[in-house]
Amino acid sequence: CVRRTTCPRGGRGLCGGDPTGYAGRVKVLLVGNGVGEHAIARALLRTARPSDPVDLVVQAGNPGLDALGAPVIFTATDAAQVRAVTREHAPDLVVVGPEAPLVAGVTDAVQELGVPVFGPTAV
């Protein structure tokens, strides 16, 4: 689940009125398509519950990972492309797996949109 202290969705929030602030369905954008991201995707899906499902949007290119979510073609190290994918798919959380996108400032670019990101900033 994703917990938010402020609601970027106009007061509706992810919680649907649940005072705990925890989400039901959570959409996650996973940046990177290697073995580490495959493990992250499997862990996210494994820990999801019927009452708290996880919808994955994954970077296309890994057949095993593509089967776990909705594959989208983009370059992980291009902050503008990742920002565009984030806007288009409106995830509740972005997880940046590999180091190269982190160094390229992808986390910083997504944070500027107000979307929570799992991954350190470039600064």
C-alpha atoms as a PDB file:
ATOM      1  CA  CYS A   1       0.000   0.000   0.000  1.00  0.00           C
ATOM      2  CA  VAL A   2       1.008   3.569  -0.479  1.00  0.00           C
ATOM      3  CA  ARG A   3       0.372   6.073   2.300  1.00  0.00           C
ATOM      4  CA  ARG A   4       0.052   9.713   1.446  1.00  0.00           C
ATOM      5  CA  THR A   5      -0.208  12.535   3.912  1.00  0.00           C
ATOM      6  CA  THR A   6      -1.516  14.933   1.266  1.00  0.00           C
ATOM      7  CA  CYS A   7      -3.873  14.114  -1.559  1.00  0.00           C
ATOM      8  CA  PRO A   8      -2.677  15.064  -5.061  1.00  0.00           C
ATOM      9  CA  ARG A   9      -6.006  13.908  -6.516  1.00  0.00           C
ATOM     10  CA  GLY A  10      -8.195  16.815  -5.447  1.00  0.00           C
ATOM     11  CA  GLY A  11      -9.116  15.598  -1.968  1.00  0.00           C
ATOM     12  CA  ARG A  12     -10.275  12.172  -3.137  1.00  0.00           C
ATOM     13  CA  GLY A  13      -6.972  10.541  -2.284  1.00  0.00           C
ATOM     14  CA  LEU A  14      -5.924   6.992  -2.912  1.00  0.00           C
ATOM     15  CA  CYS A  15      -7.769   5.811   0.122  1.00  0.00           C
ATOM     16  CA  GLY A  16     -11.296   6.393  -1.191  1.00  0.00           C
ATOM     17  CA  GLY A  17     -12.224   7.996   2.109  1.00  0.00           C
ATOM     18  CA  ASP A  18     -10.421   5.466   4.307  1.00  0.00           C
ATOM     19  CA  PRO A  19      -9.156   7.506   7.291  1.00  0.00           C
ATOM     20  CA  THR A  20      -5.975   5.397   7.508  1.00  0.00           C
ATOM     21  CA  GLY A  21      -4.870   6.808   4.146  1.00  0.00           C
ATOM     22  CA  TYR A  22      -4.038   3.389   2.733  1.00  0.00           C
ATOM     23  CA  ALA A  23      -4.894   2.565  -0.829  1.00  0.00           C
ATOM     24  CA  GLY A  24      -6.944  -0.155  -2.369  1.00  0.00           C
ATOM     25  CA  ARG A  25      -5.634  -0.504  -5.920  1.00  0.00           C
ATOM     26  CA  VAL A  26      -2.133   0.940  -6.440  1.00  0.00           C
ATOM     27  CA  LYS A  27      -0.529   1.588  -9.814  1.00  0.00           C
ATOM     28  CA  VAL A  28       3.273   1.343  -9.873  1.00  0.00           C
ATOM     29  CA  LEU A  29       5.572   2.449 -12.706  1.00  0.00           C
ATOM     30  CA  LEU A  30       8.730   0.346 -12.673  1.00  0.00           C
ATOM     31  CA  VAL A  31      11.715   1.986 -14.397  1.00  0.00           C
ATOM     32  CA  GLY A  32      14.289  -0.532 -15.645  1.00  0.00           C
ATOM     33  CA  ASN A  33      13.858  -3.929 -17.231  1.00  0.00           C
ATOM     34  CA  GLY A  34      16.620  -6.092 -15.852  1.00  0.00           C
ATOM     35  CA  VAL A  35      16.688  -8.988 -13.443  1.00  0.00           C
ATOM     36  CA  GLY A  36      16.534  -6.680 -10.412  1.00  0.00           C
ATOM     37  CA  GLU A  37      13.388  -5.001 -11.679  1.00  0.00           C
ATOM     38  CA  HIS A  38      11.889  -8.412 -12.440  1.00  0.00           C
ATOM     39  CA  ALA A  39      12.482  -9.371  -8.796  1.00  0.00           C
ATOM     40  CA  ILE A  40      10.938  -6.095  -7.614  1.00  0.00           C
ATOM     41  CA  ALA A  41       7.882  -6.651  -9.818  1.00  0.00           C
ATOM     42  CA  ARG A  42       7.394 -10.200  -8.537  1.00  0.00           C
ATOM     43  CA  ALA A  43       7.733  -9.011  -4.945  1.00  0.00           C
ATOM     44  CA  LEU A  44       5.165  -6.237  -5.478  1.00  0.00           C
ATOM     45  CA  LEU A  45       2.703  -8.681  -7.008  1.00  0.00           C
ATOM     46  CA  ARG A  46       3.378 -11.348  -4.381  1.00  0.00           C
ATOM     47  CA  THR A  47       2.663  -8.981  -1.497  1.00  0.00           C
ATOM     48  CA  ALA A  48      -0.531  -7.593  -3.064  1.00  0.00           C
ATOM     49  CA  ARG A  49      -3.819  -8.725  -1.568  1.00  0.00           C
ATOM     50  CA  PRO A  50      -7.209  -9.017  -3.254  1.00  0.00           C
ATOM     51  CA  SER A  51      -8.281  -5.930  -1.312  1.00  0.00           C
ATOM     52  CA  ASP A  52      -5.037  -4.104  -2.243  1.00  0.00           C
ATOM     53  CA  PRO A  53      -4.088  -5.125  -5.808  1.00  0.00           C
ATOM     54  CA  VAL A  54      -1.042  -3.763  -7.610  1.00  0.00           C
ATOM     55  CA  ASP A  55      -1.182  -2.703 -11.257  1.00  0.00           C
ATOM     56  CA  LEU A  56       2.275  -2.588 -12.810  1.00  0.00           C
ATOM     57  CA  VAL A  57       3.418  -0.448 -15.704  1.00  0.00           C
ATOM     58  CA  VAL A  58       6.802  -1.828 -16.767  1.00  0.00           C
ATOM     59  CA  GLN A  59       9.544  -0.781 -19.135  1.00  0.00           C
ATOM     60  CA  ALA A  60       9.204  -2.997 -22.222  1.00  0.00           C
ATOM     61  CA  GLY A  61      12.029  -5.240 -23.343  1.00  0.00           C
ATOM     62  CA  ASN A  62      12.201  -8.122 -20.873  1.00  0.00           C
ATOM     63  CA  PRO A  63       9.743 -10.919 -21.800  1.00  0.00           C
ATOM     64  CA  GLY A  64       9.509 -12.101 -18.182  1.00  0.00           C
ATOM     65  CA  LEU A  65       8.826  -8.603 -16.906  1.00  0.00           C
ATOM     66  CA  ASP A  66       6.476  -7.735 -19.788  1.00  0.00           C
ATOM     67  CA  ALA A  67       4.242 -10.620 -18.714  1.00  0.00           C
ATOM     68  CA  LEU A  68       3.866  -9.150 -15.196  1.00  0.00           C
ATOM     69  CA  GLY A  69       2.548  -5.728 -16.155  1.00  0.00           C
ATOM     70  CA  ALA A  70       1.617  -3.370 -18.949  1.00  0.00           C
ATOM     71  CA  PRO A  71       4.809  -2.921 -21.011  1.00  0.00           C
ATOM     72  CA  VAL A  72       5.604   0.585 -22.248  1.00  0.00           C
ATOM     73  CA  ILE A  73       8.524   1.515 -24.497  1.00  0.00           C
ATOM     74  CA  PHE A  74      10.720   4.278 -23.061  1.00  0.00           C
ATOM     75  CA  THR A  75      14.380   4.939 -22.298  1.00  0.00           C
ATOM     76  CA  ALA A  76      15.072   4.620 -18.583  1.00  0.00           C
ATOM     77  CA  THR A  77      17.892   7.176 -18.609  1.00  0.00           C
ATOM     78  CA  ASP A  78      15.853   9.856 -20.396  1.00  0.00           C
ATOM     79  CA  ALA A  79      14.235  11.889 -17.626  1.00  0.00           C
ATOM     80  CA  ALA A  80      11.882  13.641 -20.073  1.00  0.00           C
ATOM     81  CA  GLN A  81      10.592  10.304 -21.401  1.00  0.00           C
ATOM     82  CA  VAL A  82      10.090   8.906 -17.904  1.00  0.00           C
ATOM     83  CA  ARG A  83       8.267  12.095 -16.928  1.00  0.00           C
ATOM     84  CA  ALA A  84       6.013  11.747 -20.004  1.00  0.00           C
ATOM     85  CA  VAL A  85       5.235   8.099 -19.183  1.00  0.00           C
ATOM     86  CA  THR A  86       4.483   9.135 -15.603  1.00  0.00           C
ATOM     87  CA  ARG A  87       2.054  11.798 -16.800  1.00  0.00           C
ATOM     88  CA  GLU A  88       0.393   9.441 -19.281  1.00  0.00           C
ATOM     89  CA  HIS A  89      -0.083   6.479 -16.923  1.00  0.00           C
ATOM     90  CA  ALA A  90      -0.616   8.407 -13.651  1.00  0.00           C
ATOM     91  CA  PRO A  91       1.050   5.919 -11.288  1.00  0.00           C
ATOM     92  CA  ASP A  92       0.692   6.221  -7.534  1.00  0.00           C
ATOM     93  CA  LEU A  93       4.357   5.293  -7.100  1.00  0.00           C
ATOM     94  CA  VAL A  94       7.420   5.159  -9.355  1.00  0.00           C
ATOM     95  CA  VAL A  95      10.179   2.671  -8.544  1.00  0.00           C
ATOM     96  CA  VAL A  96      13.541   3.338 -10.198  1.00  0.00           C
ATOM     97  CA  GLY A  97      15.593   0.148 -10.204  1.00  0.00           C
ATOM     98  CA  PRO A  98      18.911   0.573 -12.042  1.00  0.00           C
ATOM     99  CA  GLU A  99      21.639   3.044 -11.121  1.00  0.00           C
ATOM    100  CA  ALA A 100      21.957   4.771 -14.515  1.00  0.00           C
ATOM    101  CA  PRO A 101      18.485   6.401 -14.398  1.00  0.00           C
ATOM    102  CA  LEU A 102      19.176   7.546 -10.848  1.00  0.00           C
ATOM    103  CA  VAL A 103      22.385   9.245 -11.982  1.00  0.00           C
ATOM    104  CA  ALA A 104      20.512  10.737 -14.969  1.00  0.00           C
ATOM    105  CA  GLY A 105      18.111  12.500 -12.586  1.00  0.00           C
ATOM    106  CA  VAL A 106      14.998  10.442 -13.278  1.00  0.00           C
ATOM    107  CA  THR A 107      13.983  10.464  -9.603  1.00  0.00           C
ATOM    108  CA  ASP A 108      14.300  14.244  -9.477  1.00  0.00           C
ATOM    109  CA  ALA A 109      12.204  14.641 -12.651  1.00  0.00           C
ATOM    110  CA  VAL A 110       9.380  12.459 -11.320  1.00  0.00           C
ATOM    111  CA  GLN A 111       9.424  14.149  -7.910  1.00  0.00           C
ATOM    112  CA  GLU A 112       8.872  17.489  -9.670  1.00  0.00           C
ATOM    113  CA  LEU A 113       5.513  16.067 -10.814  1.00  0.00           C
ATOM    114  CA  GLY A 114       4.555  15.388  -7.201  1.00  0.00           C
ATOM    115  CA  VAL A 115       4.561  11.599  -7.601  1.00  0.00           C
ATOM    116  CA  PRO A 116       6.256   9.546  -4.852  1.00  0.00           C
ATOM    117  CA  VAL A 117       9.441   7.844  -6.045  1.00  0.00           C
ATOM    118  CA  PHE A 118      11.396   4.960  -4.572  1.00  0.00           C
ATOM    119  CA  GLY A 119      15.013   5.742  -5.364  1.00  0.00           C
ATOM    120  CA  PRO A 120      17.624   8.315  -4.389  1.00  0.00           C
ATOM    121  CA  THR A 121      17.927  11.663  -6.116  1.00  0.00           C
ATOM    122  CA  ALA A 122      20.857  12.597  -8.322  1.00  0.00           C
ATOM    123  CA  VAL A 123      21.833  15.467  -6.038  1.00  0.00           C
END
